[in-house]
């Protein structure tokens, strides 16, 4: 595991601390969860872009798929 030092404005840190407290977790855990969500979002976007690129130029086929029930 890697230790990371992050500099945040005091007010932002206080808000994150409040959110963590409301969720019953540490600020460290909150930031870990936020990073996990951001990476999952990036992975989903990457998969979407790869699939979109594979389908580029196949407009007719795409429209056929949309017509299916």
N, C-alpha and C. Protein backbone atom coordinates (compact mmCIF):
# COMPACT_ATOMS: atom_id res chain seq x y z
N UNK A 1 0.85 -1.17 0.00
CA UNK A 1 0.00 0.00 0.00
C UNK A 1 0.90 1.23 0.00
N UNK A 2 0.45 2.28 -0.65
CA UNK A 2 1.21 3.51 -0.77
C UNK A 2 0.60 4.61 0.08
N UNK A 3 1.46 5.37 0.75
CA UNK A 3 1.00 6.53 1.49
C UNK A 3 1.07 7.73 0.55
N UNK A 4 0.08 8.60 0.65
CA UNK A 4 -0.01 9.74 -0.25
C UNK A 4 -0.35 10.98 0.57
N UNK A 5 0.39 12.05 0.35
CA UNK A 5 0.10 13.31 1.01
C UNK A 5 -0.65 14.19 0.03
N UNK A 6 -1.81 14.68 0.44
CA UNK A 6 -2.63 15.53 -0.41
C UNK A 6 -2.85 16.85 0.32
N UNK A 7 -2.60 17.94 -0.37
CA UNK A 7 -2.85 19.25 0.22
C UNK A 7 -4.23 19.74 -0.23
N UNK A 8 -5.06 20.05 0.75
CA UNK A 8 -6.42 20.53 0.49
C UNK A 8 -6.65 21.82 1.28
N UNK A 9 -7.48 22.69 0.75
CA UNK A 9 -7.89 23.85 1.56
C UNK A 9 -8.61 23.35 2.82
N UNK A 10 -8.42 24.08 3.90
CA UNK A 10 -9.02 23.66 5.19
C UNK A 10 -10.51 23.44 5.10
N UNK A 11 -11.22 24.33 4.41
CA UNK A 11 -12.68 24.18 4.34
C UNK A 11 -13.08 22.92 3.58
N UNK A 12 -12.34 22.57 2.56
CA UNK A 12 -12.65 21.34 1.82
C UNK A 12 -12.38 20.11 2.69
N UNK A 13 -11.29 20.14 3.43
CA UNK A 13 -10.99 19.02 4.33
C UNK A 13 -12.07 18.88 5.39
N UNK A 14 -12.53 20.01 5.94
CA UNK A 14 -13.59 19.94 6.96
C UNK A 14 -14.86 19.31 6.39
N UNK A 15 -15.20 19.69 5.15
CA UNK A 15 -16.40 19.12 4.52
C UNK A 15 -16.24 17.63 4.28
N UNK A 16 -15.06 17.22 3.81
CA UNK A 16 -14.82 15.78 3.60
C UNK A 16 -14.88 15.02 4.92
N UNK A 17 -14.35 15.64 5.97
CA UNK A 17 -14.39 15.01 7.29
C UNK A 17 -15.83 14.84 7.77
N UNK A 18 -16.67 15.84 7.50
CA UNK A 18 -18.09 15.75 7.87
C UNK A 18 -18.77 14.61 7.10
N UNK A 19 -18.50 14.52 5.81
CA UNK A 19 -19.10 13.45 5.00
C UNK A 19 -18.65 12.09 5.53
N UNK A 20 -17.37 11.96 5.79
CA UNK A 20 -16.85 10.70 6.31
C UNK A 20 -17.52 10.35 7.64
N UNK A 21 -17.66 11.35 8.51
CA UNK A 21 -18.30 11.12 9.81
C UNK A 21 -19.75 10.66 9.63
N UNK A 22 -20.48 11.30 8.71
CA UNK A 22 -21.86 10.92 8.46
C UNK A 22 -21.97 9.48 7.96
N UNK A 23 -20.97 9.05 7.22
CA UNK A 23 -20.97 7.68 6.69
C UNK A 23 -20.35 6.67 7.65
N UNK A 24 -19.78 7.17 8.73
CA UNK A 24 -19.18 6.29 9.73
C UNK A 24 -17.86 5.68 9.26
N UNK A 25 -17.12 6.42 8.44
CA UNK A 25 -15.83 5.94 7.95
C UNK A 25 -14.78 7.03 8.13
N UNK A 26 -13.53 6.67 7.93
CA UNK A 26 -12.45 7.65 8.04
C UNK A 26 -12.35 8.47 6.75
N UNK A 27 -11.68 9.60 6.83
CA UNK A 27 -11.44 10.41 5.64
C UNK A 27 -10.61 9.60 4.66
N UNK A 28 -9.66 8.84 5.16
CA UNK A 28 -8.85 7.99 4.29
C UNK A 28 -9.71 7.02 3.50
N UNK A 29 -10.64 6.37 4.19
CA UNK A 29 -11.54 5.41 3.53
C UNK A 29 -12.45 6.13 2.52
N UNK A 30 -12.92 7.32 2.88
CA UNK A 30 -13.77 8.09 1.99
C UNK A 30 -13.03 8.40 0.69
N UNK A 31 -11.79 8.86 0.80
CA UNK A 31 -11.01 9.19 -0.39
C UNK A 31 -10.71 7.93 -1.19
N UNK A 32 -10.46 6.81 -0.52
CA UNK A 32 -10.24 5.55 -1.22
C UNK A 32 -11.49 5.16 -2.02
N UNK A 33 -12.67 5.31 -1.42
CA UNK A 33 -13.92 5.00 -2.11
C UNK A 33 -14.14 5.95 -3.29
N UNK A 34 -13.82 7.23 -3.11
CA UNK A 34 -13.98 8.19 -4.19
C UNK A 34 -13.07 7.85 -5.36
N UNK A 35 -11.83 7.45 -5.05
CA UNK A 35 -10.89 7.07 -6.10
C UNK A 35 -11.38 5.83 -6.83
N UNK A 36 -11.93 4.87 -6.10
CA UNK A 36 -12.47 3.65 -6.71
C UNK A 36 -13.60 3.99 -7.67
N UNK A 37 -14.51 4.87 -7.26
CA UNK A 37 -15.61 5.27 -8.13
C UNK A 37 -15.11 6.00 -9.38
N UNK A 38 -14.13 6.85 -9.22
CA UNK A 38 -13.60 7.59 -10.35
C UNK A 38 -12.93 6.65 -11.36
N UNK A 39 -12.18 5.67 -10.85
CA UNK A 39 -11.53 4.71 -11.74
C UNK A 39 -12.55 3.82 -12.44
N UNK A 40 -13.60 3.43 -11.73
CA UNK A 40 -14.66 2.62 -12.35
C UNK A 40 -15.34 3.42 -13.46
N UNK A 41 -15.57 4.71 -13.22
CA UNK A 41 -16.17 5.57 -14.24
C UNK A 41 -15.26 5.68 -15.46
N UNK A 42 -13.98 5.84 -15.23
CA UNK A 42 -13.02 5.92 -16.33
C UNK A 42 -13.00 4.61 -17.12
N UNK A 43 -13.02 3.48 -16.43
CA UNK A 43 -13.04 2.17 -17.11
C UNK A 43 -14.29 2.02 -17.97
N UNK A 44 -15.44 2.43 -17.44
CA UNK A 44 -16.69 2.33 -18.19
C UNK A 44 -16.64 3.23 -19.43
N UNK A 45 -16.12 4.44 -19.26
CA UNK A 45 -16.01 5.36 -20.39
C UNK A 45 -15.07 4.79 -21.46
N UNK A 46 -13.97 4.20 -21.02
CA UNK A 46 -13.01 3.61 -21.96
C UNK A 46 -13.64 2.46 -22.73
N UNK A 47 -14.37 1.59 -22.02
CA UNK A 47 -15.05 0.48 -22.69
C UNK A 47 -16.06 1.00 -23.71
N UNK A 48 -16.81 2.03 -23.33
CA UNK A 48 -17.79 2.62 -24.24
C UNK A 48 -17.12 3.16 -25.49
N UNK A 49 -16.02 3.90 -25.31
CA UNK A 49 -15.32 4.49 -26.45
C UNK A 49 -14.75 3.42 -27.38
N UNK A 50 -14.25 2.34 -26.82
CA UNK A 50 -13.74 1.23 -27.63
C UNK A 50 -14.87 0.62 -28.45
N UNK A 51 -16.00 0.38 -27.81
CA UNK A 51 -17.15 -0.19 -28.52
C UNK A 51 -17.68 0.77 -29.58
N UNK A 52 -17.71 2.05 -29.27
CA UNK A 52 -18.18 3.04 -30.23
C UNK A 52 -17.25 3.07 -31.44
N UNK A 53 -15.97 2.97 -31.21
CA UNK A 53 -15.02 2.98 -32.31
C UNK A 53 -15.19 1.75 -33.20
N UNK A 54 -15.44 0.59 -32.57
CA UNK A 54 -15.67 -0.64 -33.34
C UNK A 54 -16.89 -0.51 -34.23
N UNK A 55 -17.89 0.23 -33.77
CA UNK A 55 -19.13 0.37 -34.52
C UNK A 55 -19.14 1.53 -35.50
N UNK A 56 -18.09 2.33 -35.48
CA UNK A 56 -18.04 3.50 -36.37
C UNK A 56 -18.15 3.04 -37.83
N UNK A 57 -19.03 3.68 -38.57
CA UNK A 57 -19.21 3.33 -39.98
C UNK A 57 -20.27 2.26 -40.20
N UNK A 58 -20.89 1.78 -39.13
CA UNK A 58 -21.92 0.74 -39.23
C UNK A 58 -23.28 1.31 -38.85
N UNK A 59 -23.61 2.45 -39.43
CA UNK A 59 -24.86 3.12 -39.10
C UNK A 59 -26.08 2.24 -39.38
N UNK A 60 -26.09 1.61 -40.53
CA UNK A 60 -27.24 0.77 -40.89
C UNK A 60 -27.43 -0.35 -39.88
N UNK A 61 -26.34 -1.00 -39.50
CA UNK A 61 -26.42 -2.11 -38.52
C UNK A 61 -26.91 -1.58 -37.17
N UNK A 62 -26.44 -0.42 -36.77
CA UNK A 62 -26.86 0.18 -35.51
C UNK A 62 -28.35 0.49 -35.49
N UNK A 63 -28.82 1.02 -36.58
CA UNK A 63 -30.25 1.31 -36.67
C UNK A 63 -31.09 0.03 -36.65
N UNK A 64 -30.58 -1.04 -37.28
CA UNK A 64 -31.28 -2.34 -37.23
C UNK A 64 -31.41 -2.82 -35.79
N UNK A 65 -30.33 -2.70 -35.04
CA UNK A 65 -30.35 -3.14 -33.63
C UNK A 65 -31.35 -2.35 -32.81
N UNK A 66 -31.49 -1.07 -33.09
CA UNK A 66 -32.43 -0.24 -32.36
C UNK A 66 -33.88 -0.61 -32.65
N UNK A 67 -34.15 -1.18 -33.79
CA UNK A 67 -35.51 -1.55 -34.16
C UNK A 67 -35.96 -2.84 -33.49
N UNK A 68 -35.01 -3.66 -33.00
CA UNK A 68 -35.37 -4.94 -32.41
C UNK A 68 -36.11 -4.74 -31.09
N UNK A 69 -37.04 -5.65 -30.80
CA UNK A 69 -37.80 -5.60 -29.54
C UNK A 69 -37.08 -6.34 -28.46
